Amino acid sequence: MAMSGSMERKIKVEFVNREPVEEQEIEIVERKGLGHPDSLCDGIAEAVSVALCQEYLRTCGVILHHNTDKVQLVAGRSNPCYGGGEVSSPIYILLGGRATRIFGTNEIPVDTVAIHAAKQYLKNVRNLDVERHVIVDSKLGHGSSDLIGVFEGNRKESVEPTVPMANDTSFGVAHAPLSETESIVLNVEEKVMAEFRDVEKAVGEDMKVMALRERDTITLTVGDAFVSRYVDDYDHYINIKHRLREYITGVAKDYTGRDVNVLVNMADMPGSVYLTVTGTSAEMGDDGATGRGNRSNGLITPNRNMSLEATCGKNPVNHTGKIYNLLANRIAREIVENVDGIREVQLKILSEIGRRIDDPKVATAQIIPLSGVNRGWMEKKVKRIIDEGLSNVTEITKKAMKGELRTF
């Protein structure tokens, strides 16, 4: 048990004897990039939640119950060609989930706020004409009376600010530190979007990075939806692809001394290459849904424990499916940064509906330690970090409602 003030939390630390991911023979890591249809749904779901939080605070003075984590994308149709092309049928995006519409005698313009937030987010796809290429439809319903009751109880319990009660029985998981392969996958996509995309306009936002590490050889298979208007012909396409490959190789080498092999758009043939009008495959047959892509650390990591929870779009006040995943990532990073002798830590936090979110049913850390460390000292320090993180769990809400935390 760990103590924080007058509260005794159930915190367990376990030392495990297993092979660290970095030493396993096979490691697989994936990231679905900014413009991937699943990532678009994640980003829209979170943008809508953030916008509703701000609208609720502005008009009501409090954040009201909502969960906007049910965004669906139905792909359109397009006809890309070298130097041009057109979208012949628009992308359809359905905003699903629940949101409180009435506060006292006031009606909150939920649909207007949600649609505007979605369209603003879609501007991250630079060559997507949001008004011409996309239909955004809001079907946000009213919340479950039981869950609204839990949410309302959080606000009525006291005139003083209180720690909310969980509105779900769910868990959050995280690990630290990132392996070399995980660091490569995360940073390749982010740096291409932050840097190389400005240099080479043909690079689209829909980039998927899949890594396979076989002992000390890392193969990155990258798919990127090139923007057709910026590609003159097949030779130009091949040249752009070559330069993208060289850039990615350079980024990868910053994170590993292992051999790295980069493959880009492997289905290409002279008569069929990966061109899009907008830079996302959502224009031409690739559908999407919230929660099908990256976990809250930005990665898909089958060698690790993962939650299937859709972090994006869940309310940041008392939905532990969101809060605990974000909190677990923060605590895991703090543990490896502040406790010497840890090779790996895996963190799990389990909530119970109706129970205060700073007092989970259990929070547990599994540690692979270096040999010769003082396990008793390490256990005390890790428990203290977890306890402090739970004590400050509402900081996650404050940052998430402003869009300041990575959720996918």
Protein backbone atom coordinates (compact mmCIF):
# COMPACT_ATOMS: atom_id res chain seq x y z
CA MET A 1 0.00 0.00 0.00
CA ALA A 2 1.04 3.61 -0.54
CA MET A 3 -0.05 6.59 1.50
CA SER A 4 -0.94 10.08 0.27
CA GLY A 5 -2.31 12.29 3.01
CA SER A 6 -5.10 10.28 4.63
CA MET A 7 -5.61 7.94 1.64
CA GLU A 8 -4.16 4.46 1.41
CA ARG A 9 -4.01 3.33 -2.21
CA LYS A 10 -3.59 -0.20 -3.48
CA ILE A 11 -0.27 -0.01 -5.32
CA LYS A 12 1.69 -3.14 -6.18
CA VAL A 13 5.24 -3.41 -7.51
CA GLU A 14 6.36 -6.71 -9.01
CA PHE A 15 9.83 -7.67 -10.21
CA VAL A 16 9.68 -9.95 -13.23
CA ASN A 17 12.25 -12.17 -14.85
CA ARG A 18 11.64 -11.97 -18.57
CA GLU A 19 13.55 -10.94 -21.64
CA PRO A 20 13.36 -7.19 -22.30
CA VAL A 21 11.76 -6.27 -25.62
CA GLU A 22 15.08 -4.82 -26.80
CA GLU A 23 16.66 -8.27 -26.51
CA GLN A 24 13.85 -10.30 -28.07
CA GLU A 25 14.64 -11.72 -31.49
CA ILE A 26 11.53 -10.29 -33.20
CA GLU A 27 9.91 -6.91 -32.54
CA ILE A 28 7.04 -5.35 -34.50
CA VAL A 29 6.00 -1.70 -34.17
CA GLU A 30 3.49 0.35 -36.18
CA ARG A 31 2.31 3.95 -36.40
CA LYS A 32 -0.62 5.21 -38.43
CA GLY A 33 0.26 8.77 -39.34
CA LEU A 34 -1.56 12.07 -39.19
CA GLY A 35 -3.66 11.59 -42.34
CA HIS A 36 -4.46 7.88 -42.03
CA PRO A 37 -8.27 7.44 -41.96
CA ASP A 38 -8.17 5.89 -38.48
CA SER A 39 -5.94 8.68 -37.20
CA LEU A 40 -8.24 11.28 -38.74
CA CYS A 41 -11.11 9.78 -36.77
CA ASP A 42 -9.00 9.81 -33.60
CA GLY A 43 -7.95 13.40 -34.14
CA ILE A 44 -11.49 14.56 -34.91
CA ALA A 45 -12.92 12.76 -31.88
CA GLU A 46 -10.41 14.47 -29.61
CA ALA A 47 -10.83 17.86 -31.28
CA VAL A 48 -14.60 17.67 -30.78
CA SER A 49 -14.16 16.78 -27.10
CA VAL A 50 -11.74 19.66 -26.56
CA ALA A 51 -14.10 22.07 -28.33
CA LEU A 52 -17.06 20.92 -26.24
CA CYS A 53 -15.03 21.30 -23.05
CA GLN A 54 -14.27 24.90 -23.98
CA GLU A 55 -17.90 25.60 -24.97
CA TYR A 56 -19.25 24.07 -21.76
CA LEU A 57 -16.84 26.13 -19.66
CA ARG A 58 -17.66 29.30 -21.58
CA THR A 59 -21.44 28.97 -21.38
CA CYS A 60 -21.98 26.88 -18.25
CA GLY A 61 -18.87 27.33 -16.13
CA VAL A 62 -18.32 23.56 -15.90
CA ILE A 63 -17.50 20.68 -18.24
CA LEU A 64 -20.64 18.65 -18.88
CA HIS A 65 -20.88 14.95 -19.61
CA HIS A 66 -19.83 13.89 -23.11
CA ASN A 67 -18.02 11.12 -24.96
CA THR A 68 -17.31 11.78 -28.64
CA ASP A 69 -15.27 8.63 -29.32
CA LYS A 70 -17.47 7.09 -32.01
CA VAL A 71 -16.32 8.89 -35.18
CA GLN A 72 -16.70 6.92 -38.42
CA LEU A 73 -15.21 7.76 -41.81
CA VAL A 74 -16.58 6.42 -45.09
CA ALA A 75 -14.08 6.91 -47.90
CA GLY A 76 -14.86 8.86 -51.02
CA ARG A 77 -13.75 8.31 -54.61
CA SER A 78 -11.07 10.12 -56.55
CA ASN A 79 -9.20 10.17 -59.84
CA PRO A 80 -5.60 11.22 -59.18
CA CYS A 81 -3.23 11.73 -62.09
CA TYR A 82 0.22 13.20 -62.57
CA GLY A 83 0.00 16.95 -62.17
CA GLY A 84 -3.66 16.99 -61.12
CA GLY A 85 -6.73 14.88 -60.48
CA GLU A 86 -10.05 15.34 -58.75
CA VAL A 87 -12.19 14.00 -55.91
CA SER A 88 -15.33 12.68 -57.58
CA SER A 89 -17.22 11.67 -54.43
CA PRO A 90 -16.65 13.30 -51.03
CA ILE A 91 -15.47 11.65 -47.84
CA TYR A 92 -18.31 11.17 -45.35
CA ILE A 93 -17.55 11.63 -41.64
CA LEU A 94 -20.10 10.75 -38.98
CA LEU A 95 -19.64 12.27 -35.54
CA GLY A 96 -21.08 9.77 -33.08
CA GLY A 97 -21.15 9.52 -29.31
CA ARG A 98 -22.94 11.43 -26.61
CA ALA A 99 -22.99 15.01 -25.38
CA THR A 100 -25.08 17.03 -22.90
CA ARG A 101 -27.26 19.52 -24.79
CA ILE A 102 -29.28 21.18 -22.02
CA PHE A 103 -27.94 23.01 -18.97
CA GLY A 104 -30.65 24.62 -16.88
CA THR A 105 -32.76 26.51 -19.38
CA ASN A 106 -29.94 26.89 -21.91
CA GLU A 107 -29.41 24.76 -25.01
CA ILE A 108 -25.77 24.16 -25.92
CA PRO A 109 -25.11 24.20 -29.71
CA VAL A 110 -23.43 20.79 -29.60
CA ASP A 111 -23.72 19.95 -33.30
CA THR A 112 -22.50 23.36 -34.46
CA VAL A 113 -19.50 23.20 -32.14
CA ALA A 114 -18.70 19.61 -33.13
CA ILE A 115 -18.91 20.12 -36.89
CA HIS A 116 -16.78 23.27 -36.72
CA ALA A 117 -14.15 21.49 -34.61
CA ALA A 118 -14.05 18.56 -37.03
CA LYS A 119 -13.60 20.81 -40.06
CA GLN A 120 -10.88 22.81 -38.36
CA TYR A 121 -9.02 19.63 -37.51
CA LEU A 122 -9.25 18.34 -41.08
CA LYS A 123 -7.19 21.34 -42.20
CA ASN A 124 -4.17 19.36 -40.98
CA VAL A 125 -4.48 17.57 -44.32
CA ARG A 126 -3.11 20.43 -46.38
CA ASN A 127 -4.50 19.50 -49.79
CA LEU A 128 -7.95 18.52 -48.56
CA ASP A 129 -10.61 21.08 -49.44
CA VAL A 130 -12.78 20.66 -46.38
CA GLU A 131 -15.85 22.29 -47.94
CA ARG A 132 -15.69 20.42 -51.27
CA HIS A 133 -14.05 17.10 -50.40
CA VAL A 134 -15.75 16.24 -47.10
CA ILE A 135 -19.26 15.90 -45.66
CA VAL A 136 -19.32 16.15 -41.86
CA ASP A 137 -22.52 14.95 -40.17
CA SER A 138 -23.18 15.15 -36.42
CA LYS A 139 -25.37 12.53 -34.77
CA LEU A 140 -24.22 13.11 -31.21
CA GLY A 141 -26.92 11.81 -28.90
CA HIS A 142 -27.84 12.61 -25.31
CA GLY A 143 -25.89 10.74 -22.63
CA SER A 144 -26.96 7.68 -20.66
CA SER A 145 -28.92 8.76 -17.58
CA ASP A 146 -26.81 6.50 -15.36
CA LEU A 147 -23.51 7.94 -16.59
CA ILE A 148 -24.84 11.48 -16.47
CA GLY A 149 -25.85 10.75 -12.89
CA VAL A 150 -22.29 9.76 -11.99
CA PHE A 151 -20.99 12.84 -13.78
CA GLU A 152 -23.49 15.17 -12.09
CA GLY A 153 -22.71 13.62 -8.72
CA ASN A 154 -19.09 14.66 -9.17
CA ARG A 155 -20.16 18.32 -9.34
CA LYS A 156 -22.86 18.24 -6.64
CA GLU A 157 -20.94 16.29 -4.03
CA SER A 158 -19.44 19.43 -2.49
CA VAL A 159 -19.14 23.16 -2.96
CA GLU A 160 -15.37 22.55 -2.94
CA PRO A 161 -13.63 21.04 -5.95
CA THR A 162 -13.62 17.25 -5.60
CA VAL A 163 -11.87 14.34 -7.24
CA PRO A 164 -14.34 12.83 -9.74
CA MET A 165 -15.75 9.34 -9.56
CA ALA A 166 -14.94 6.99 -12.42
CA ASN A 167 -17.73 6.57 -14.96
CA ASP A 168 -16.40 3.23 -16.17
CA THR A 169 -14.58 0.14 -14.97
CA SER A 170 -11.60 0.15 -17.29
CA PHE A 171 -7.83 0.13 -17.27
CA GLY A 172 -4.89 2.10 -18.59
CA VAL A 173 -1.51 0.65 -19.49
CA ALA A 174 1.88 2.03 -20.44
CA HIS A 175 5.52 1.08 -20.72
CA ALA A 176 8.85 2.83 -20.62
CA PRO A 177 11.38 3.42 -21.93
CA LEU A 178 10.64 3.17 -25.66
CA SER A 179 12.78 0.67 -27.50
CA GLU A 180 15.01 1.83 -30.35
CA THR A 181 12.51 0.50 -32.86
CA GLU A 182 9.60 2.26 -31.16
CA SER A 183 11.54 5.54 -31.06
CA ILE A 184 12.34 5.22 -34.76
CA VAL A 185 8.73 4.57 -35.80
CA LEU A 186 7.36 7.44 -33.72
CA ASN A 187 9.97 9.96 -34.80
CA VAL A 188 10.10 9.01 -38.48
CA GLU A 189 6.46 9.90 -39.07
CA GLU A 190 6.54 12.99 -36.87
CA LYS A 191 9.71 14.41 -38.41
CA VAL A 192 8.53 13.76 -41.95
CA MET A 193 5.38 15.72 -41.12
CA ALA A 194 7.23 18.48 -39.26
CA GLU A 195 10.18 18.91 -41.64
CA PHE A 196 10.31 16.94 -44.89
CA ARG A 197 6.70 17.68 -45.82
CA ASP A 198 7.62 21.37 -46.03
CA VAL A 199 10.56 20.59 -48.32
CA GLU A 200 8.71 18.14 -50.55
CA LYS A 201 5.07 19.14 -51.09
CA ALA A 202 4.23 15.84 -52.74
CA VAL A 203 4.50 14.03 -49.39
CA GLY A 204 0.98 13.43 -48.08
CA GLU A 205 -0.18 13.25 -44.48
CA ASP A 206 -1.37 9.66 -44.80
CA MET A 207 1.85 7.90 -43.81
CA LYS A 208 1.97 4.47 -42.23
CA VAL A 209 5.22 3.17 -40.74
CA MET A 210 5.62 -0.54 -39.99
CA ALA A 211 8.85 -1.74 -38.40
CA LEU A 212 10.19 -5.26 -38.12
CA ARG A 213 13.32 -5.80 -36.07
CA GLU A 214 14.97 -9.18 -36.57
CA ARG A 215 17.77 -9.28 -34.02
CA ASP A 216 19.93 -6.33 -35.09
CA THR A 217 18.31 -5.55 -38.45
CA ILE A 218 15.41 -3.12 -38.62
CA THR A 219 13.22 -2.97 -41.72
CA LEU A 220 10.88 -0.03 -42.08
CA THR A 221 8.04 -0.47 -44.55
CA VAL A 222 6.55 2.96 -45.20
CA GLY A 223 3.44 3.82 -47.16
CA ASP A 224 2.81 7.45 -48.04
CA ALA A 225 -0.03 8.90 -50.10
CA PHE A 226 1.79 11.24 -52.51
CA VAL A 227 -0.15 14.31 -53.67
CA SER A 228 -0.65 14.02 -57.41
CA ARG A 229 -0.60 17.74 -58.29
CA TYR A 230 3.04 17.95 -57.17
CA VAL A 231 4.22 14.89 -59.14
CA ASP A 232 5.04 15.49 -62.80
CA ASP A 233 5.49 11.94 -64.05
CA TYR A 234 6.69 8.47 -63.07
CA ASP A 235 10.38 9.45 -63.03
CA HIS A 236 9.59 12.40 -60.79
CA TYR A 237 7.61 10.08 -58.50
CA ILE A 238 10.55 7.69 -58.21
CA ASN A 239 12.87 10.61 -57.44
CA ILE A 240 10.60 11.85 -54.64
CA LYS A 241 10.32 8.35 -53.25
CA HIS A 242 14.10 8.00 -53.24
CA ARG A 243 14.57 11.28 -51.37
CA LEU A 244 11.91 10.33 -48.83
CA ARG A 245 13.66 7.02 -48.27
CA GLU A 246 17.00 8.77 -47.70
CA TYR A 247 15.44 11.22 -45.26
CA ILE A 248 13.77 8.41 -43.27
CA THR A 249 17.02 6.45 -43.16
CA GLY A 250 18.77 9.49 -41.72
CA VAL A 251 16.12 9.93 -39.02
CA ALA A 252 16.31 6.25 -38.08
CA LYS A 253 20.09 6.36 -37.72
CA ASP A 254 19.67 9.02 -35.01
CA TYR A 255 18.05 6.39 -32.77
CA THR A 256 20.01 3.20 -33.42
CA GLY A 257 23.34 1.73 -34.39
CA ARG A 258 21.61 -1.31 -35.84
CA ASP A 259 21.28 -1.92 -39.58
CA VAL A 260 18.26 -0.10 -41.03
CA ASN A 261 16.56 -0.90 -44.32
CA VAL A 262 13.81 1.46 -45.54
CA LEU A 263 11.17 0.44 -48.09
CA VAL A 264 8.68 3.00 -49.46
CA ASN A 265 5.38 2.34 -51.30
CA MET A 266 6.19 -1.27 -52.07
CA ALA A 267 3.11 -1.94 -54.22
CA ASP A 268 4.25 0.54 -56.89
CA MET A 269 4.55 -0.44 -60.54
CA PRO A 270 5.14 1.83 -63.57
CA GLY A 271 1.43 1.85 -64.37
CA SER A 272 0.19 1.97 -60.79
CA VAL A 273 1.70 4.12 -58.05
CA TYR A 274 0.44 5.52 -54.74
CA LEU A 275 -0.99 8.88 -55.83
CA THR A 276 -3.84 10.75 -54.20
CA VAL A 277 -5.44 14.11 -54.86
CA THR A 278 -5.51 15.16 -51.20
CA GLY A 279 -2.73 13.25 -49.43
CA THR A 280 -5.01 10.77 -47.65
CA SER A 281 -6.31 7.39 -48.76
CA ALA A 282 -9.66 8.38 -47.23
CA GLU A 283 -10.46 9.93 -50.61
CA MET A 284 -10.27 6.62 -52.43
CA GLY A 285 -11.61 3.63 -50.57
CA ASP A 286 -9.93 3.44 -47.14
CA ASP A 287 -12.47 3.83 -44.33
CA GLY A 288 -11.68 4.73 -40.72
CA ALA A 289 -12.94 4.61 -37.14
CA THR A 290 -11.89 5.97 -33.77
CA GLY A 291 -9.83 3.56 -31.68
CA ARG A 292 -8.53 1.37 -34.51
CA GLY A 293 -5.14 3.02 -34.71
CA ASN A 294 -2.38 4.16 -32.40
CA ARG A 295 -2.57 3.80 -28.65
CA SER A 296 -2.19 6.90 -26.48
CA ASN A 297 1.63 6.78 -26.74
CA GLY A 298 1.35 7.17 -30.52
CA LEU A 299 2.26 3.59 -31.35
CA ILE A 300 0.87 0.10 -31.95
CA THR A 301 3.17 -2.31 -30.09
CA PRO A 302 2.22 -6.02 -30.21
CA ASN A 303 5.33 -6.93 -28.17
CA ARG A 304 3.93 -4.93 -25.25
CA ASN A 305 0.83 -4.90 -23.07
CA MET A 306 -1.78 -2.66 -24.69
CA SER A 307 -5.26 -1.37 -23.94
CA LEU A 308 -7.91 -1.58 -26.66
CA GLU A 309 -9.53 1.54 -25.21
CA ALA A 310 -10.20 4.41 -27.59
CA THR A 311 -8.54 7.23 -25.66
CA CYS A 312 -9.56 9.96 -28.11
CA GLY A 313 -12.90 11.68 -27.58
CA LYS A 314 -13.67 10.35 -24.12
CA ASN A 315 -14.40 13.08 -21.61
CA PRO A 316 -11.29 14.10 -19.66
CA VAL A 317 -13.09 14.59 -16.33
CA ASN A 318 -14.01 11.10 -15.18
CA HIS A 319 -13.65 8.62 -18.03
CA THR A 320 -10.80 6.43 -16.82
CA GLY A 321 -10.52 4.78 -20.23
CA LYS A 322 -8.91 8.06 -21.25
CA ILE A 323 -7.44 9.39 -18.03
CA TYR A 324 -5.68 6.23 -16.89
CA ASN A 325 -3.99 5.60 -20.23
CA LEU A 326 -2.67 9.17 -20.30
CA LEU A 327 -1.69 9.00 -16.62
CA ALA A 328 0.01 5.61 -16.99
CA ASN A 329 2.20 6.95 -19.78
CA ARG A 330 3.21 9.94 -17.68
CA ILE A 331 4.00 7.82 -14.60
CA ALA A 332 5.94 5.20 -16.59
CA ARG A 333 8.17 7.91 -18.07
CA GLU A 334 8.72 9.49 -14.65
CA ILE A 335 9.71 6.13 -13.18
CA VAL A 336 12.46 5.44 -15.72
CA GLU A 337 13.65 9.05 -15.57
CA ASN A 338 13.91 9.11 -11.77
CA VAL A 339 14.68 5.57 -10.65
CA ASP A 340 18.07 4.12 -11.55
CA GLY A 341 18.46 0.46 -12.41
CA ILE A 342 15.25 -0.14 -14.37
CA ARG A 343 15.49 -1.81 -17.77
CA GLU A 344 11.75 -1.81 -18.40
CA VAL A 345 8.60 -0.93 -16.54
CA GLN A 346 5.04 -1.85 -17.50
CA LEU A 347 2.27 -0.01 -15.68
CA LYS A 348 -1.41 -0.93 -15.30
CA ILE A 349 -4.10 1.09 -13.53
CA LEU A 350 -7.62 -0.32 -13.05
CA SER A 351 -10.66 1.78 -12.15
CA GLU A 352 -14.00 0.84 -10.67
CA ILE A 353 -17.14 2.69 -11.72
CA GLY A 354 -18.29 5.07 -9.01
CA ARG A 355 -14.90 5.03 -7.26
CA ARG A 356 -12.73 8.13 -7.01
CA ILE A 357 -10.29 8.31 -9.91
CA ASP A 358 -7.38 9.06 -7.58
CA ASP A 359 -8.08 5.77 -5.77
CA PRO A 360 -8.02 2.99 -8.38
CA LYS A 361 -8.94 -0.59 -7.60
CA VAL A 362 -5.26 -1.33 -8.19
CA ALA A 363 -2.21 0.29 -9.72
CA THR A 364 0.60 -2.10 -10.51
CA ALA A 365 4.10 -1.83 -11.94
CA GLN A 366 6.03 -4.75 -13.38
CA ILE A 367 9.75 -4.05 -13.43
CA ILE A 368 12.66 -5.70 -15.18
CA PRO A 369 15.59 -4.51 -13.07
CA LEU A 370 19.30 -4.48 -13.75
CA SER A 371 21.19 -7.05 -11.74
CA GLY A 372 22.51 -6.04 -8.34
CA VAL A 373 20.00 -3.25 -7.61
CA ASN A 374 18.42 -2.74 -4.21
CA ARG A 375 14.90 -3.94 -4.92
CA GLY A 376 13.49 -2.75 -1.61
CA TRP A 377 14.70 0.79 -2.27
CA MET A 378 13.45 0.63 -5.85
CA GLU A 379 10.01 -0.60 -4.82
CA LYS A 380 9.54 2.25 -2.33
CA LYS A 381 10.58 4.87 -4.86
CA VAL A 382 8.35 3.47 -7.61
CA LYS A 383 5.36 3.30 -5.25
CA ARG A 384 5.95 6.90 -4.26
CA ILE A 385 5.98 8.06 -7.89
CA ILE A 386 2.76 6.15 -8.66
CA ASP A 387 1.12 7.52 -5.53
CA GLU A 388 2.08 11.09 -6.40
CA GLY A 389 0.81 10.62 -9.94
CA LEU A 390 -2.57 9.42 -8.67
CA SER A 391 -2.71 12.29 -6.18
CA ASN A 392 -2.35 14.70 -9.10
CA VAL A 393 -4.60 12.83 -11.54
CA THR A 394 -6.76 15.90 -12.16
CA GLU A 395 -3.75 17.53 -13.86
CA ILE A 396 -4.44 15.11 -16.71
CA THR A 397 -7.93 16.60 -17.05
CA LYS A 398 -6.59 20.15 -17.13
CA LYS A 399 -4.11 19.35 -19.91
CA ALA A 400 -6.42 17.09 -21.92
CA MET A 401 -9.26 19.62 -22.03
CA LYS A 402 -6.82 22.08 -23.63
CA GLY A 403 -5.53 19.54 -26.15
CA GLU A 404 -2.05 19.55 -24.59
CA LEU A 405 -1.54 15.76 -24.36
CA ARG A 406 -0.83 13.17 -27.04
CA THR A 407 -3.80 10.86 -27.35
CA PHE A 408 -2.85 8.95 -30.49
